[in-house]
Amino acid sequence: MSTSATPQVEIRQFPCLSDNFGVLIHDPESGTTIAIDVPDAAPYLAVLDETGWKLSHILITHHHWDHVQGLSALKEKTDAHVIGPERSRQKISGMDATVEDGDKVLTGPFEALAMSTPGHTLDQISWYYPALKFAHTGDTLFSLGCGRLFEGDAEMMWASLDKLKRILPKDTVIYCGHEYTQSNAKFALTIDPDNTDLLDRAKEVEALRADGKPTLPTTMAQELATNPFLRADEPSVKAALGMADASDAAVFAEIRTRKDNA
């Protein structure tokens, strides 16, 4: 799959492993090519061979194996500069530089903001390119879903999602780690069944998957309108759960628990 971030910059999204995505950002003017995570080196090398692009940078979101297991092989083949979370300096081999929350890094002509969004893992970084209206949220925010809480807790994850809501403009195009949207849609409808935007999105997702097409990328506007995990602060969602007076974090925790048990 290929989409344009600007008239010049090209973004390629392609499947890796069973349900992961690989992502490459290419700027023809500067020759910069940026990879986000490396679930498997082979699909990246195939796209690079097909396009003739030279990989210059690799950005890592978190330490889980299905996001970094191809890193060593891809770096060895391309000698790309690898940047990832400081919290996993000892867990991820091959990083040339590390970032913490709020750090800005220059990858070719484009500046990326590193946003710490812990919950799924403690080291999770979401990468945001304001000039490209592009964000990669790793396993924090999915289309119609969010990551499981392996290392953090519900309050931490809600704070991370709320941070994305505050920082990312509605027209930001969102890429993430996995193709989970179809199952997320079915669950979302149990939480927010009268949401007409969600009903429309669920139909769209069914049609895309029936055609073997990806449901990603999404947009921040679309997720704000349809994703129950981002909408835990909405009075209509609280009322539907019988939690009208509960805190936003408590409502999020209830939704996450229901998804875990679904």
Protein backbone atom coordinates (compact mmCIF):
# COMPACT_ATOMS: atom_id res chain seq x y z
CA MET A 1 0.00 0.00 0.00
CA SER A 2 1.21 3.49 -0.79
CA THR A 3 -0.08 6.85 0.38
CA SER A 4 1.25 10.36 0.05
CA ALA A 5 2.02 12.53 3.06
CA THR A 6 2.87 15.53 0.88
CA PRO A 7 3.04 15.89 -2.91
CA GLN A 8 6.66 14.74 -2.73
CA VAL A 9 6.91 12.37 0.23
CA GLU A 10 5.73 8.79 -0.23
CA ILE A 11 4.70 6.45 2.57
CA ARG A 12 4.62 2.70 2.03
CA GLN A 13 2.76 0.39 4.40
CA PHE A 14 3.10 -3.36 3.95
CA PRO A 15 2.32 -6.53 5.93
CA CYS A 16 4.91 -8.20 8.15
CA LEU A 17 4.59 -11.45 10.13
CA SER A 18 0.95 -12.47 10.70
CA ASP A 19 -0.70 -9.14 11.51
CA ASN A 20 2.06 -6.52 11.86
CA PHE A 21 2.72 -3.63 9.49
CA GLY A 22 5.98 -2.28 8.18
CA VAL A 23 6.16 1.41 7.27
CA LEU A 24 8.64 3.33 5.12
CA ILE A 25 8.69 7.11 4.59
CA HIS A 26 10.60 8.32 1.52
CA ASP A 27 11.54 11.86 0.49
CA PRO A 28 12.81 11.83 -3.10
CA GLU A 29 14.32 15.31 -2.88
CA SER A 30 16.73 14.51 -0.04
CA GLY A 31 16.89 10.75 -0.57
CA THR A 32 15.88 10.22 3.05
CA THR A 33 14.09 6.95 3.77
CA ILE A 34 12.81 6.20 7.26
CA ALA A 35 11.56 2.88 8.65
CA ILE A 36 9.29 2.62 11.67
CA ASP A 37 9.93 -0.60 13.62
CA VAL A 38 11.22 -3.80 12.01
CA PRO A 39 8.98 -6.81 12.70
CA ASP A 40 10.85 -8.69 9.96
CA ALA A 41 13.71 -7.49 7.74
CA ALA A 42 12.68 -9.34 4.55
CA PRO A 43 9.58 -7.25 3.65
CA TYR A 44 11.56 -4.04 4.17
CA LEU A 45 14.41 -5.25 2.01
CA ALA A 46 11.93 -6.28 -0.68
CA VAL A 47 10.36 -2.79 -0.82
CA LEU A 48 13.78 -1.12 -0.77
CA ASP A 49 14.92 -3.36 -3.63
CA GLU A 50 11.73 -2.71 -5.61
CA THR A 51 11.91 1.07 -5.22
CA GLY A 52 15.66 1.61 -5.20
CA TRP A 53 15.34 3.64 -2.00
CA LYS A 54 18.34 3.73 0.37
CA LEU A 55 17.33 3.35 4.01
CA SER A 56 18.77 6.16 6.13
CA HIS A 57 16.95 5.94 9.47
CA ILE A 58 15.08 3.42 11.61
CA LEU A 59 12.79 4.62 14.41
CA ILE A 60 11.74 2.12 17.08
CA THR A 61 8.54 2.39 19.13
CA HIS A 62 9.14 -0.27 21.82
CA HIS A 63 11.10 -3.37 22.70
CA HIS A 64 8.63 -6.18 21.95
CA TRP A 65 10.07 -8.84 19.65
CA ASP A 66 7.45 -8.37 16.94
CA HIS A 67 8.66 -4.79 16.48
CA VAL A 68 12.43 -5.28 16.64
CA GLN A 69 13.32 -8.84 15.67
CA GLY A 70 14.31 -7.77 12.15
CA LEU A 71 16.33 -4.76 13.30
CA SER A 72 19.80 -6.32 13.35
CA ALA A 73 19.43 -7.83 9.87
CA LEU A 74 18.03 -4.63 8.36
CA LYS A 75 20.72 -2.46 9.93
CA GLU A 76 23.43 -4.83 8.76
CA LYS A 77 22.14 -4.65 5.18
CA THR A 78 21.54 -0.89 5.08
CA ASP A 79 23.76 0.72 7.76
CA ALA A 80 20.78 2.90 8.71
CA HIS A 81 20.90 5.13 11.80
CA VAL A 82 18.71 3.60 14.55
CA ILE A 83 16.88 5.71 17.13
CA GLY A 84 14.74 4.27 19.91
CA PRO A 85 13.58 4.65 23.51
CA GLU A 86 16.17 5.41 26.16
CA ARG A 87 14.28 3.17 28.61
CA SER A 88 15.18 0.15 26.46
CA ARG A 89 18.82 0.98 25.84
CA GLN A 90 19.75 -2.38 27.39
CA LYS A 91 16.93 -4.33 25.74
CA ILE A 92 17.26 -3.29 22.09
CA SER A 93 20.62 -3.94 20.50
CA GLY A 94 21.84 -1.83 17.59
CA MET A 95 20.50 1.57 18.59
CA ASP A 96 22.75 4.50 17.67
CA ALA A 97 20.78 7.12 19.61
CA THR A 98 17.99 7.15 22.16
CA VAL A 99 15.15 9.52 23.00
CA GLU A 100 12.98 10.45 25.93
CA ASP A 101 9.64 12.22 26.05
CA GLY A 102 9.63 15.50 24.17
CA ASP A 103 12.91 14.97 22.35
CA LYS A 104 13.04 16.11 18.74
CA VAL A 105 15.19 14.33 16.18
CA LEU A 106 16.09 15.34 12.66
CA THR A 107 15.78 12.59 10.05
CA GLY A 108 16.87 14.15 6.80
CA PRO A 109 14.84 17.36 6.36
CA PHE A 110 12.04 16.27 8.70
CA GLU A 111 11.83 16.74 12.45
CA ALA A 112 10.17 14.01 14.50
CA LEU A 113 8.78 14.50 17.98
CA ALA A 114 9.24 11.57 20.36
CA MET A 115 6.20 11.24 22.61
CA SER A 116 6.36 8.88 25.56
CA THR A 117 3.05 6.98 25.57
CA PRO A 118 3.51 4.17 28.13
CA GLY A 119 0.90 1.61 29.09
CA HIS A 120 1.36 -1.28 26.67
CA THR A 121 5.05 -1.13 27.62
CA LEU A 122 6.90 1.36 29.78
CA ASP A 123 9.28 2.35 26.97
CA GLN A 124 6.66 2.98 24.25
CA ILE A 125 7.41 5.98 22.03
CA SER A 126 4.88 7.40 19.56
CA TRP A 127 6.57 9.24 16.70
CA TYR A 128 5.01 12.41 15.28
CA TYR A 129 6.11 14.31 12.16
CA PRO A 130 4.16 17.62 12.21
CA ALA A 131 5.35 18.66 8.74
CA LEU A 132 4.06 15.39 7.27
CA LYS A 133 0.86 15.25 9.38
CA PHE A 134 2.03 11.73 10.21
CA ALA A 135 2.15 9.80 13.48
CA HIS A 136 3.08 6.23 14.28
CA THR A 137 1.57 5.17 17.58
CA GLY A 138 3.17 1.72 17.83
CA ASP A 139 1.02 -0.44 20.08
CA THR A 140 -0.51 2.43 22.06
CA LEU A 141 -3.33 3.53 19.77
CA PHE A 142 -4.87 1.20 17.19
CA SER A 143 -7.77 1.91 14.89
CA LEU A 144 -10.82 1.45 17.13
CA GLY A 145 -8.60 0.05 19.87
CA CYS A 146 -5.53 0.37 22.06
CA GLY A 147 -2.74 -1.92 23.23
CA ARG A 148 -3.01 -4.42 26.03
CA LEU A 149 -1.55 -3.35 29.37
CA PHE A 150 1.51 -5.57 29.63
CA GLU A 151 3.80 -3.30 31.66
CA GLY A 152 1.73 -0.26 32.60
CA ASP A 153 -1.70 0.20 34.15
CA ALA A 154 -5.00 1.66 33.01
CA GLU A 155 -4.36 5.10 34.47
CA MET A 156 -1.01 5.27 32.64
CA MET A 157 -2.53 4.20 29.32
CA TRP A 158 -5.42 6.62 29.62
CA ALA A 159 -2.92 9.44 30.26
CA SER A 160 -1.04 8.38 27.12
CA LEU A 161 -4.18 8.32 24.99
CA ASP A 162 -5.27 11.67 26.40
CA LYS A 163 -1.83 13.03 25.49
CA LEU A 164 -2.26 11.90 21.89
CA LYS A 165 -5.69 13.57 21.85
CA ARG A 166 -4.16 16.83 23.05
CA ILE A 167 -1.06 16.88 20.83
CA LEU A 168 -2.12 15.37 17.51
CA PRO A 169 -4.29 17.56 15.26
CA LYS A 170 -7.42 15.93 13.86
CA ASP A 171 -5.97 15.74 10.36
CA THR A 172 -2.98 13.68 11.52
CA VAL A 173 -2.72 10.41 9.61
CA ILE A 174 -2.19 7.57 12.10
CA TYR A 175 -0.16 4.44 11.44
CA CYS A 176 0.27 1.72 14.06
CA GLY A 177 1.71 -1.71 14.65
CA HIS A 178 -1.09 -4.16 13.85
CA GLU A 179 -4.15 -4.96 11.74
CA TYR A 180 -6.64 -5.47 14.55
CA THR A 181 -9.44 -3.19 13.34
CA GLN A 182 -12.06 -5.79 12.45
CA SER A 183 -12.09 -7.40 15.89
CA ASN A 184 -11.79 -3.97 17.51
CA ALA A 185 -14.87 -2.80 15.60
CA LYS A 186 -16.99 -5.70 16.85
CA PHE A 187 -16.00 -4.93 20.43
CA ALA A 188 -16.43 -1.16 20.02
CA LEU A 189 -20.05 -1.68 19.02
CA THR A 190 -20.73 -3.37 22.38
CA ILE A 191 -19.59 -0.19 24.14
CA ASP A 192 -20.95 2.51 21.83
CA PRO A 193 -23.75 0.83 19.82
CA ASP A 194 -25.64 4.00 18.91
CA ASN A 195 -22.62 5.84 17.50
CA THR A 196 -23.49 6.36 13.82
CA ASP A 197 -19.88 7.19 12.92
CA LEU A 198 -18.81 3.89 14.47
CA LEU A 199 -21.54 1.96 12.66
CA ASP A 200 -20.36 3.43 9.35
CA ARG A 201 -16.71 2.69 10.17
CA ALA A 202 -17.54 -0.92 11.10
CA LYS A 203 -19.22 -1.44 7.72
CA GLU A 204 -16.24 0.10 5.95
CA VAL A 205 -13.85 -2.18 7.84
CA GLU A 206 -15.86 -5.29 6.95
CA ALA A 207 -15.77 -4.33 3.28
CA LEU A 208 -12.03 -3.59 3.31
CA ARG A 209 -11.17 -6.89 4.99
CA ALA A 210 -13.49 -8.82 2.66
CA ASP A 211 -11.43 -7.40 -0.21
CA GLY A 212 -8.18 -8.28 1.53
CA LYS A 213 -7.32 -4.60 2.01
CA PRO A 214 -5.80 -2.97 5.11
CA THR A 215 -7.94 -0.79 7.36
CA LEU A 216 -4.97 1.48 8.08
CA PRO A 217 -3.88 4.18 8.12
CA THR A 218 -6.60 5.98 10.01
CA THR A 219 -6.88 9.61 11.10
CA MET A 220 -7.06 11.24 14.49
CA ALA A 221 -10.46 12.69 13.58
CA GLN A 222 -11.81 9.25 12.73
CA GLU A 223 -10.50 7.74 15.97
CA LEU A 224 -11.86 10.58 18.09
CA ALA A 225 -15.28 9.92 16.60
CA THR A 226 -15.29 6.13 16.81
CA ASN A 227 -12.64 4.64 19.13
CA PRO A 228 -14.21 3.82 22.52
CA PHE A 229 -10.81 3.85 24.27
CA LEU A 230 -10.29 7.48 23.21
CA ARG A 231 -13.89 8.30 24.15
CA ALA A 232 -13.80 7.21 27.80
CA ASP A 233 -14.30 10.85 28.76
CA GLU A 234 -17.46 11.22 26.66
CA PRO A 235 -20.69 11.52 28.71
CA SER A 236 -22.54 9.25 26.26
CA VAL A 237 -19.98 6.47 26.73
CA LYS A 238 -20.01 6.86 30.51
CA ALA A 239 -23.80 6.73 30.54
CA ALA A 240 -23.87 3.62 28.35
CA LEU A 241 -21.61 1.87 30.86
CA GLY A 242 -23.59 3.06 33.87
CA MET A 243 -20.56 5.10 35.01
CA ALA A 244 -21.83 8.66 34.58
CA ASP A 245 -20.03 9.93 37.67
CA ALA A 246 -16.83 7.90 37.31
CA SER A 247 -13.44 9.33 36.43
CA ASP A 248 -12.21 9.15 32.84
CA ALA A 249 -9.45 6.74 33.85
CA ALA A 250 -11.93 4.46 35.65
CA VAL A 251 -14.16 4.34 32.56
CA PHE A 252 -11.16 3.57 30.38
CA ALA A 253 -10.14 0.78 32.80
CA GLU A 254 -13.63 -0.75 32.56
CA ILE A 255 -13.53 -0.68 28.75
CA ARG A 256 -10.04 -2.22 28.70
CA THR A 257 -11.11 -4.96 31.13
CA ARG A 258 -14.13 -5.80 28.99
CA LYS A 259 -11.93 -6.01 25.89
CA ASP A 260 -9.46 -8.28 27.70
CA ASN A 261 -12.33 -10.60 28.63
CA ALA A 262 -14.17 -10.44 25.31
